[in-house]
Amino acid sequence: MKTSFIPTLLALTLVGAQAQQVTGTQTTQTGVNQTEPTSTSYQIVEQGANHRVWQRQTIEQGPNGMFVTHIHKYTELSSGLNYWNSTVGNWVPSQELINTYSSGAIAQQGQYQVIFANNLNSAGSIDQQTPDGKQLQSSILGLAYYDSSSGQSVMIAQIQDSTGELISPNQALYPNAFEGVKADIRYTYKK
């Protein structure tokens, strides 16, 4: 009788001394001396051009002593949220930022990349590249008034030489940009 009591007691002790630890989606058995797993802060687990998936996990100990993991997840949506950075080979958060360089200024940390010429009065002074690689160039010719009822138009002022300057991290200003009219042109680079 003594011999059957000892194996049973030993088996119950081993079963009672085990706790369950959940990490991610896998479950493992650990001893009671194991420290409690810690919760995590939100981290990006997936991203694309217009979204990020954020995830964190919390761990709580149930009444039976076993640890249970809860996954908390949400999706952030926004147009132009990230851009593909071929240097690192990954999606990178877009930044509304224009940097100067010798020939003008450039905004390249977003899905649309734009080059601003030093002088607005030049052909193709604004040069934009779309996410699918198309190049779009534009130039302002002047200010005009168009009357839709008569179909007639009149030129008010033509563009003149105007040197661009950065007035904020994402804004380029071309002051006094028209002949005979006191008007500036301001470009704002946004996601």
Protein backbone atom coordinates (compact mmCIF):
# COMPACT_ATOMS: atom_id res chain seq x y z
CA MET A 1 0.00 0.00 0.00
CA LYS A 2 2.85 2.35 0.73
CA THR A 3 4.33 1.84 -2.71
CA SER A 4 1.18 2.84 -4.59
CA PHE A 5 0.70 5.96 -2.44
CA ILE A 6 4.14 7.44 -3.18
CA PRO A 7 3.91 7.37 -7.04
CA THR A 8 0.42 8.88 -6.88
CA LEU A 9 1.60 11.66 -4.54
CA LEU A 10 4.64 12.29 -6.75
CA ALA A 11 2.44 12.50 -9.89
CA LEU A 12 0.04 14.96 -8.21
CA THR A 13 2.95 17.10 -7.04
CA LEU A 14 4.38 17.29 -10.56
CA VAL A 15 1.01 18.19 -12.09
CA GLY A 16 0.33 20.85 -9.44
CA ALA A 17 3.77 22.40 -9.85
CA GLN A 18 3.21 23.21 -13.51
CA ALA A 19 1.81 26.51 -14.83
CA GLN A 20 0.97 27.45 -18.37
CA GLN A 21 2.78 30.33 -20.07
CA VAL A 22 1.46 31.73 -23.33
CA THR A 23 3.86 33.61 -25.62
CA GLY A 24 2.49 34.88 -28.92
CA THR A 25 0.27 32.10 -30.20
CA GLN A 26 2.30 29.18 -28.84
CA THR A 27 1.65 27.62 -25.44
CA THR A 28 4.43 26.09 -23.35
CA GLN A 29 4.54 24.47 -19.92
CA THR A 30 6.93 25.95 -17.36
CA GLY A 31 7.71 25.38 -13.68
CA VAL A 32 6.27 27.46 -10.83
CA ASN A 33 9.55 29.29 -10.30
CA GLN A 34 9.10 30.96 -13.72
CA THR A 35 8.63 34.74 -13.42
CA GLU A 36 5.42 36.21 -14.78
CA PRO A 37 5.65 37.19 -18.49
CA THR A 38 5.45 40.92 -19.16
CA SER A 39 3.04 42.83 -21.34
CA THR A 40 4.36 44.67 -24.41
CA SER A 41 3.80 48.19 -25.73
CA TYR A 42 2.20 48.84 -29.11
CA GLN A 43 4.44 48.00 -32.08
CA ILE A 44 3.91 48.10 -35.84
CA VAL A 45 3.46 44.53 -37.08
CA GLU A 46 2.38 45.30 -40.66
CA GLN A 47 2.42 48.36 -42.90
CA GLY A 48 1.70 49.45 -46.44
CA ALA A 49 1.25 52.66 -48.44
CA ASN A 50 -1.87 53.80 -46.58
CA HIS A 51 -2.04 51.72 -43.40
CA ARG A 52 -0.20 50.49 -40.31
CA VAL A 53 -1.28 47.63 -38.05
CA TRP A 54 -0.37 48.21 -34.40
CA GLN A 55 -0.35 45.38 -31.88
CA ARG A 56 0.45 44.78 -28.23
CA GLN A 57 -0.09 41.94 -25.84
CA THR A 58 -1.16 41.89 -22.23
CA ILE A 59 -0.76 38.88 -20.00
CA GLU A 60 -2.82 38.11 -16.96
CA GLN A 61 -2.83 35.26 -14.53
CA GLY A 62 -6.09 33.43 -14.20
CA PRO A 63 -7.57 32.05 -10.96
CA ASN A 64 -6.07 28.64 -11.78
CA GLY A 65 -2.55 30.15 -11.91
CA MET A 66 -2.23 29.85 -15.67
CA PHE A 67 -1.13 32.85 -17.76
CA VAL A 68 -3.41 34.02 -20.56
CA THR A 69 -2.24 36.30 -23.36
CA HIS A 70 -4.58 38.89 -24.85
CA ILE A 71 -3.66 40.36 -28.26
CA HIS A 72 -4.80 43.97 -28.82
CA LYS A 73 -4.66 45.19 -32.42
CA TYR A 74 -5.84 48.19 -34.42
CA THR A 75 -5.30 49.47 -37.97
CA GLU A 76 -4.31 53.07 -38.63
CA LEU A 77 -5.53 54.34 -42.03
CA SER A 78 -4.37 57.49 -43.81
CA SER A 79 -3.65 58.48 -47.40
CA GLY A 80 0.10 58.68 -47.98
CA LEU A 81 0.92 57.35 -44.52
CA ASN A 82 4.08 55.55 -45.69
CA TYR A 83 6.35 55.56 -48.73
CA TRP A 84 8.51 52.82 -50.19
CA ASN A 85 12.17 53.50 -49.41
CA SER A 86 14.20 51.45 -51.89
CA THR A 87 17.41 52.08 -49.90
CA VAL A 88 16.13 50.11 -46.90
CA GLY A 89 13.68 47.99 -48.94
CA ASN A 90 10.72 48.70 -46.68
CA TRP A 91 7.79 51.03 -46.03
CA VAL A 92 8.87 54.10 -44.05
CA PRO A 93 6.60 56.71 -42.39
CA SER A 94 6.02 59.73 -44.66
CA GLN A 95 7.23 63.12 -43.47
CA GLU A 96 5.91 66.48 -44.58
CA LEU A 97 9.39 67.85 -45.15
CA ILE A 98 11.10 69.89 -47.87
CA ASN A 99 14.92 70.06 -47.94
CA THR A 100 17.05 72.56 -49.84
CA TYR A 101 19.83 71.61 -52.23
CA SER A 102 21.96 73.51 -54.79
CA SER A 103 19.31 73.71 -57.56
CA GLY A 104 16.28 74.35 -55.37
CA ALA A 105 14.40 72.24 -52.86
CA ILE A 106 13.14 68.67 -52.77
CA ALA A 107 10.43 66.78 -50.91
CA GLN A 108 11.28 63.08 -51.10
CA GLN A 109 9.97 61.52 -47.90
CA GLY A 110 6.49 60.77 -49.14
CA GLN A 111 4.68 58.83 -51.84
CA TYR A 112 4.80 61.84 -54.17
CA GLN A 113 8.25 63.33 -54.55
CA VAL A 114 8.58 66.93 -55.68
CA ILE A 115 11.47 69.11 -56.84
CA PHE A 116 11.02 72.89 -56.55
CA ALA A 117 13.30 74.95 -58.85
CA ASN A 118 15.22 77.92 -57.42
CA ASN A 119 13.48 80.25 -59.92
CA LEU A 120 9.74 79.81 -60.44
CA ASN A 121 10.02 81.49 -63.86
CA SER A 122 11.60 78.47 -65.55
CA ALA A 123 10.20 75.64 -67.65
CA GLY A 124 9.15 72.70 -65.49
CA SER A 125 9.84 74.59 -62.27
CA ILE A 126 7.77 72.07 -60.32
CA ASP A 127 8.76 68.48 -61.06
CA GLN A 128 6.71 65.72 -59.41
CA GLN A 129 7.10 61.95 -59.43
CA THR A 130 4.03 59.85 -58.66
CA PRO A 131 4.12 56.58 -56.67
CA ASP A 132 3.85 54.59 -59.92
CA GLY A 133 6.93 56.36 -61.36
CA LYS A 134 5.26 58.88 -63.68
CA GLN A 135 6.94 62.27 -63.96
CA LEU A 136 4.76 65.39 -64.04
CA GLN A 137 6.23 68.84 -64.70
CA SER A 138 4.37 72.10 -64.37
CA SER A 139 5.04 75.80 -64.79
CA ILE A 140 2.93 78.79 -63.90
CA LEU A 141 2.44 81.16 -66.84
CA GLY A 142 0.53 83.94 -65.08
CA LEU A 143 -2.73 85.08 -63.53
CA ALA A 144 -5.75 85.15 -65.79
CA TYR A 145 -9.47 85.77 -65.46
CA TYR A 146 -11.90 83.51 -67.32
CA ASP A 147 -15.57 84.37 -67.82
CA SER A 148 -17.46 81.11 -68.21
CA SER A 149 -20.63 82.79 -69.52
CA SER A 150 -18.87 84.46 -72.47
CA GLY A 151 -15.94 82.05 -72.84
CA GLN A 152 -13.51 84.97 -72.88
CA SER A 153 -10.38 85.36 -70.77
CA VAL A 154 -7.91 88.11 -70.02
CA MET A 155 -4.31 87.84 -68.74
CA ILE A 156 -3.89 89.91 -65.57
CA ALA A 157 -0.19 89.31 -64.88
CA GLN A 158 2.63 87.15 -66.21
CA ILE A 159 5.05 85.20 -64.09
CA GLN A 160 8.41 86.85 -63.39
CA ASP A 161 11.68 85.70 -61.84
CA SER A 162 11.10 84.71 -58.24
CA THR A 163 13.56 82.86 -56.00
CA GLY A 164 12.01 80.29 -53.70
CA GLU A 165 12.57 80.11 -49.95
CA LEU A 166 11.45 77.71 -47.24
CA ILE A 167 9.11 79.36 -44.76
CA SER A 168 8.35 76.19 -42.75
CA PRO A 169 9.48 72.56 -42.89
CA ASN A 170 6.84 71.77 -45.54
CA GLN A 171 6.23 75.11 -47.31
CA ALA A 172 8.09 76.81 -50.16
CA LEU A 173 7.32 80.45 -50.94
CA TYR A 174 8.06 82.34 -54.15
CA PRO A 175 7.66 86.04 -53.23
CA ASN A 176 6.52 88.74 -55.67
CA ALA A 177 6.03 86.15 -58.42
CA PHE A 178 4.02 88.24 -60.96
CA GLU A 179 4.72 91.34 -63.08
CA GLY A 180 2.61 94.33 -62.04
CA VAL A 181 0.75 92.45 -59.29
CA LYS A 182 1.93 92.05 -55.72
CA ALA A 183 1.31 88.36 -55.14
CA ASP A 184 3.31 85.41 -53.82
CA ILE A 185 3.02 81.72 -54.62
CA ARG A 186 3.16 79.24 -51.76
CA TYR A 187 3.47 75.45 -52.16
CA THR A 188 2.62 73.17 -49.23
CA TYR A 189 3.90 69.58 -49.26
CA LYS A 190 1.51 67.22 -47.44
CA LYS A 191 1.14 63.48 -47.12
